[in-house]
Amino acid sequence: MDAANTEDLPLRSSRPVNSRCLDALGATGMYVLSIACGLVLWQVVSGFTSPLFLPSVSATGAAAVELVADGTLQRSIVASAWRIAAGWALGVIVGIPLGVFVGRFSLVRRLLEPYIEFFRFIPPIAFVTLAVIWMGPGEASKIALIFYTTVFVVTINAIAGVQAVNPLRLRAAASLGAGPLKTLTTVILPSAIPYMVTGARIAMGNSFLTVVSAEIVAADEGLGSLIWTARNFSRTEWVFVGIIALGMLGFLFDRVLRVVTNKLLRHYL
């Protein structure tokens, strides 16, 4: 190999890295630009409306500083995050094996499908009053409601993943001597993982919808409680702070879930 070719090697090998860095910087720049444009538009529109209807960016920022200073915002975020994480995790833990068994075994499907199809169409807000009566106004009722809204989404997606497995793969596994358990662990579950991850992500969004309703009805702390308290005191800027905090928390949760699943399950996604 001559000197000219040797000198070219570092340049060639560095191009993909540089390209990825530029792509990452470009994506970050677009995020920042998009957010900046949204804030500018918000500030301009707020100048033509009442602060009670649409508070300005500066007023919302000042309200956020006020809520952070007395610790209200931090306590609300921690309370809501804990309830969402606990209820969602329980829903995933129960929903995935339930969906696998319902999707794999026809007898289990015939027994449980009527209940799944019935309850998944009843919104969790309909059970808020019953949850408080049955479990009290503490954490259990709110976590149970988030579990309820999570488990059916995860179950339905797990069922779809199991039933979407190519029958040829099942026959091939059986012809190679794989038993039911081996087929389940080596063929069905790996094939259904993308569906399960999608169900978990969708259920995460539904958990955020439910936690607000639950906290409005029966909670002293939480972002839903903060939004309802702001409404009672006509503090629209507090409402915006609570909404923005919910959106940022949801964005963070989804990013963490995506990173974790990509790291642990990258061979199946």
Protein backbone atom coordinates (compact mmCIF):
# COMPACT_ATOMS: atom_id res chain seq x y z
CA MET A 1 0.00 0.00 0.00
CA ASP A 2 1.53 3.33 -1.05
CA ALA A 3 1.81 6.48 1.02
CA ALA A 4 -1.00 8.26 -0.80
CA ASN A 5 -3.46 5.48 -0.06
CA THR A 6 -2.30 5.32 3.57
CA GLU A 7 -2.96 9.03 4.04
CA ASP A 8 -6.46 8.67 2.63
CA LEU A 9 -7.55 5.97 5.12
CA PRO A 10 -8.16 8.23 8.17
CA LEU A 11 -10.18 10.61 6.05
CA ARG A 12 -12.35 7.85 4.66
CA SER A 13 -12.96 6.25 8.07
CA SER A 14 -13.82 9.60 9.68
CA ARG A 15 -16.46 10.58 7.16
CA PRO A 16 -19.26 8.40 8.58
CA VAL A 17 -18.55 9.70 12.10
CA ASN A 18 -18.57 13.29 10.92
CA SER A 19 -21.75 12.67 9.00
CA ARG A 20 -23.47 11.24 12.06
CA CYS A 21 -22.33 14.18 14.17
CA LEU A 22 -23.65 16.64 11.60
CA ASP A 23 -26.96 14.79 11.46
CA ALA A 24 -27.23 14.89 15.26
CA LEU A 25 -26.38 18.59 15.37
CA GLY A 26 -28.84 19.25 12.57
CA ALA A 27 -31.63 17.40 14.41
CA THR A 28 -30.86 19.28 17.64
CA GLY A 29 -30.79 22.55 15.77
CA MET A 30 -34.20 21.82 14.24
CA TYR A 31 -35.59 21.01 17.69
CA VAL A 32 -34.28 24.29 19.09
CA LEU A 33 -35.51 26.27 16.09
CA SER A 34 -38.96 24.68 16.29
CA ILE A 35 -39.28 25.45 20.01
CA ALA A 36 -38.02 29.01 19.53
CA CYS A 37 -40.54 29.65 16.75
CA GLY A 38 -43.34 28.27 18.91
CA LEU A 39 -42.37 30.51 21.83
CA VAL A 40 -42.19 33.58 19.61
CA LEU A 41 -45.60 32.83 18.11
CA TRP A 42 -47.04 32.26 21.59
CA GLN A 43 -45.61 35.60 22.84
CA VAL A 44 -46.99 37.48 19.84
CA VAL A 45 -50.48 35.98 20.04
CA SER A 46 -50.65 36.56 23.81
CA GLY A 47 -50.15 40.28 23.19
CA PHE A 48 -53.56 40.43 21.48
CA THR A 49 -55.50 38.52 24.15
CA SER A 50 -56.33 38.75 27.83
CA PRO A 51 -53.80 37.19 30.26
CA LEU A 52 -56.69 35.18 31.69
CA PHE A 53 -57.24 33.62 28.25
CA LEU A 54 -53.62 33.20 27.14
CA PRO A 55 -50.79 34.34 29.45
CA SER A 56 -47.56 35.40 27.80
CA VAL A 57 -44.35 33.39 27.77
CA SER A 58 -42.82 35.77 30.29
CA ALA A 59 -45.83 35.51 32.64
CA THR A 60 -45.76 31.72 32.41
CA GLY A 61 -42.03 31.71 33.08
CA ALA A 62 -42.53 33.92 36.13
CA ALA A 63 -45.27 31.57 37.37
CA ALA A 64 -42.92 28.61 36.92
CA VAL A 65 -40.24 30.39 38.96
CA GLU A 66 -42.82 31.12 41.64
CA LEU A 67 -43.95 27.47 41.80
CA VAL A 68 -40.37 26.22 41.85
CA ALA A 69 -39.41 28.65 44.62
CA ASP A 70 -41.98 27.26 47.05
CA GLY A 71 -41.43 23.66 45.93
CA THR A 72 -44.94 23.14 44.56
CA LEU A 73 -43.85 22.27 41.04
CA GLN A 74 -41.19 19.80 42.14
CA ARG A 75 -43.58 18.00 44.49
CA SER A 76 -46.26 17.87 41.81
CA ILE A 77 -43.89 16.43 39.21
CA VAL A 78 -42.53 13.78 41.60
CA ALA A 79 -46.03 12.76 42.73
CA SER A 80 -47.37 12.40 39.19
CA ALA A 81 -44.22 10.69 37.91
CA TRP A 82 -44.37 8.10 40.70
CA ARG A 83 -48.04 7.31 40.06
CA ILE A 84 -47.52 7.02 36.31
CA ALA A 85 -44.43 4.85 36.62
CA ALA A 86 -46.01 2.51 39.19
CA GLY A 87 -49.34 2.08 37.40
CA TRP A 88 -47.73 1.75 33.97
CA ALA A 89 -45.16 -0.79 35.16
CA LEU A 90 -47.86 -2.94 36.78
CA GLY A 91 -49.93 -2.75 33.60
CA VAL A 92 -46.99 -3.88 31.48
CA ILE A 93 -46.05 -6.68 33.89
CA VAL A 94 -49.61 -8.05 33.82
CA GLY A 95 -50.54 -7.14 30.24
CA ILE A 96 -47.66 -8.83 28.41
CA PRO A 97 -48.08 -12.38 29.82
CA LEU A 98 -51.86 -12.00 29.67
CA GLY A 99 -51.68 -11.02 25.99
CA VAL A 100 -49.29 -13.88 25.22
CA PHE A 101 -51.56 -16.49 26.80
CA VAL A 102 -54.71 -15.06 25.23
CA GLY A 103 -53.07 -14.88 21.82
CA ARG A 104 -51.47 -18.32 22.02
CA PHE A 105 -54.14 -20.49 23.60
CA SER A 106 -57.62 -20.51 22.10
CA LEU A 107 -59.27 -21.74 25.31
CA VAL A 108 -57.84 -18.82 27.32
CA ARG A 109 -58.86 -16.45 24.52
CA ARG A 110 -62.47 -17.68 24.56
CA LEU A 111 -62.61 -17.31 28.34
CA LEU A 112 -61.06 -13.86 28.67
CA GLU A 113 -61.79 -12.10 25.38
CA PRO A 114 -65.35 -11.03 26.36
CA TYR A 115 -63.99 -9.26 29.47
CA ILE A 116 -61.11 -7.64 27.58
CA GLU A 117 -63.39 -6.41 24.82
CA PHE A 118 -65.92 -5.11 27.36
CA PHE A 119 -63.66 -3.27 29.79
CA ARG A 120 -61.22 -1.79 27.30
CA PHE A 121 -63.96 0.46 25.94
CA ILE A 122 -64.85 1.90 29.35
CA PRO A 123 -62.68 4.98 30.01
CA PRO A 124 -60.83 5.03 33.35
CA ILE A 125 -62.44 8.32 34.31
CA ALA A 126 -65.72 6.40 34.65
CA PHE A 127 -64.14 4.44 37.52
CA VAL A 128 -62.64 7.41 39.37
CA THR A 129 -65.47 7.65 41.91
CA LEU A 130 -65.56 3.88 42.44
CA ALA A 131 -61.79 3.75 42.84
CA VAL A 132 -61.93 6.37 45.58
CA ILE A 133 -64.81 4.56 47.33
CA TRP A 134 -63.13 1.14 47.09
CA MET A 135 -59.52 2.11 47.75
CA GLY A 136 -59.71 5.49 49.41
CA PRO A 137 -58.25 8.81 48.25
CA GLY A 138 -54.65 7.66 48.68
CA GLU A 139 -52.10 6.45 46.16
CA ALA A 140 -53.70 3.03 45.59
CA SER A 141 -56.76 4.41 43.77
CA LYS A 142 -54.71 6.54 41.37
CA ILE A 143 -52.20 3.80 40.63
CA ALA A 144 -55.06 1.36 40.06
CA LEU A 145 -56.66 3.69 37.51
CA ILE A 146 -53.37 4.05 35.63
CA PHE A 147 -52.93 0.27 35.75
CA TYR A 148 -56.44 -0.09 34.30
CA THR A 149 -55.74 2.24 31.40
CA THR A 150 -52.40 0.54 30.69
CA VAL A 151 -53.13 -3.16 30.95
CA PHE A 152 -55.67 -3.42 28.11
CA VAL A 153 -53.52 -1.50 25.61
CA VAL A 154 -50.52 -3.70 26.35
CA THR A 155 -52.64 -6.86 26.28
CA ILE A 156 -54.21 -6.08 22.90
CA ASN A 157 -50.82 -5.32 21.34
CA ALA A 158 -49.30 -8.48 22.81
CA ILE A 159 -52.18 -10.53 21.39
CA ALA A 160 -51.64 -8.94 17.98
CA GLY A 161 -47.92 -9.71 18.14
CA VAL A 162 -48.48 -13.36 19.03
CA GLN A 163 -51.09 -13.86 16.33
CA ALA A 164 -48.91 -12.13 13.72
CA VAL A 165 -46.14 -14.78 13.97
CA ASN A 166 -45.64 -16.46 10.62
CA PRO A 167 -47.13 -19.99 10.79
CA LEU A 168 -44.21 -21.26 8.69
CA ARG A 169 -41.85 -20.35 11.52
CA LEU A 170 -43.98 -22.30 13.98
CA ARG A 171 -44.02 -25.34 11.70
CA ALA A 172 -40.27 -25.09 11.20
CA ALA A 173 -39.70 -24.99 14.96
CA ALA A 174 -41.98 -28.00 15.46
CA SER A 175 -40.22 -29.94 12.71
CA LEU A 176 -36.89 -29.31 14.45
CA GLY A 177 -38.26 -30.86 17.63
CA ALA A 178 -39.13 -27.70 19.59
CA GLY A 179 -41.84 -28.22 22.17
CA PRO A 180 -44.53 -25.67 23.11
CA LEU A 181 -42.36 -23.92 25.70
CA LYS A 182 -39.32 -23.80 23.41
CA THR A 183 -41.44 -22.47 20.56
CA LEU A 184 -42.89 -19.82 22.84
CA THR A 185 -39.51 -18.58 24.09
CA THR A 186 -37.51 -18.82 20.85
CA VAL A 187 -40.05 -17.99 18.16
CA ILE A 188 -43.22 -16.36 19.45
CA LEU A 189 -41.87 -13.96 22.09
CA PRO A 190 -38.99 -12.58 19.95
CA SER A 191 -41.40 -12.01 17.07
CA ALA A 192 -43.95 -10.27 19.28
CA ILE A 193 -41.51 -7.93 21.07
CA PRO A 194 -41.98 -4.98 18.63
CA TYR A 195 -45.74 -5.14 19.23
CA MET A 196 -45.22 -5.24 23.00
CA VAL A 197 -42.91 -2.23 22.93
CA THR A 198 -45.39 -0.30 20.80
CA GLY A 199 -48.18 -1.18 23.22
CA ALA A 200 -46.08 -0.06 26.18
CA ARG A 201 -45.37 3.30 24.52
CA ILE A 202 -49.02 3.89 23.66
CA ALA A 203 -50.03 2.89 27.19
CA MET A 204 -47.55 5.41 28.57
CA GLY A 205 -49.42 8.20 26.80
CA ASN A 206 -52.74 6.94 28.13
CA SER A 207 -51.26 6.90 31.64
CA PHE A 208 -50.66 10.64 31.43
CA LEU A 209 -54.27 11.19 30.38
CA THR A 210 -55.51 9.18 33.34
CA VAL A 211 -53.29 10.66 36.03
CA VAL A 212 -54.68 14.15 35.44
CA SER A 213 -58.27 12.97 35.84
CA ALA A 214 -57.42 10.96 38.97
CA GLU A 215 -55.49 13.82 40.59
CA ILE A 216 -58.21 16.36 39.86
CA VAL A 217 -60.75 14.25 41.74
CA ALA A 218 -58.70 13.03 44.70
CA ALA A 219 -55.17 14.33 45.23
CA ASP A 220 -53.47 17.04 47.25
CA GLU A 221 -50.32 16.91 45.11
CA GLY A 222 -49.63 16.20 41.46
CA LEU A 223 -49.76 18.05 38.17
CA GLY A 224 -53.48 17.37 37.78
CA SER A 225 -54.11 18.78 41.23
CA LEU A 226 -51.94 21.80 40.39
CA ILE A 227 -53.95 22.48 37.23
CA TRP A 228 -57.25 22.20 39.12
CA THR A 229 -56.03 24.48 41.93
CA ALA A 230 -54.92 27.03 39.33
CA ARG A 231 -58.40 26.93 37.83
CA ASN A 232 -59.98 27.62 41.23
CA PHE A 233 -57.74 30.67 41.71
CA SER A 234 -58.04 31.86 38.07
CA ARG A 235 -54.27 31.49 37.63
CA THR A 236 -54.13 30.54 33.96
CA GLU A 237 -50.36 30.82 33.94
CA TRP A 238 -50.19 28.04 36.54
CA VAL A 239 -52.35 25.91 34.25
CA PHE A 240 -49.84 26.44 31.46
CA VAL A 241 -46.97 25.55 33.77
CA GLY A 242 -48.71 22.29 34.69
CA ILE A 243 -49.47 21.46 31.04
CA ILE A 244 -45.88 22.17 29.96
CA ALA A 245 -44.54 20.09 32.85
CA LEU A 246 -46.78 17.19 31.79
CA GLY A 247 -45.56 17.41 28.21
CA MET A 248 -41.90 17.55 29.22
CA LEU A 249 -42.33 14.67 31.66
CA GLY A 250 -44.03 12.59 28.99
CA PHE A 251 -41.28 13.40 26.49
CA LEU A 252 -38.65 12.35 29.04
CA PHE A 253 -40.45 9.10 29.92
CA ASP A 254 -40.85 8.15 26.26
CA ARG A 255 -37.21 8.92 25.48
CA VAL A 256 -36.00 6.84 28.40
CA LEU A 257 -38.25 3.96 27.34
CA ARG A 258 -36.98 4.14 23.78
CA VAL A 259 -33.33 4.22 24.86
CA VAL A 260 -33.78 1.30 27.27
CA THR A 261 -35.66 -0.86 24.78
CA ASN A 262 -33.19 -0.06 22.00
CA LYS A 263 -30.30 -1.07 24.26
CA LEU A 264 -31.85 -4.23 25.67
CA LEU A 265 -33.94 -5.39 22.71
CA ARG A 266 -32.05 -4.00 19.73
CA HIS A 267 -31.79 -7.49 18.14
CA TYR A 268 -35.57 -7.79 18.02
CA LEU A 269 -36.63 -4.27 17.00
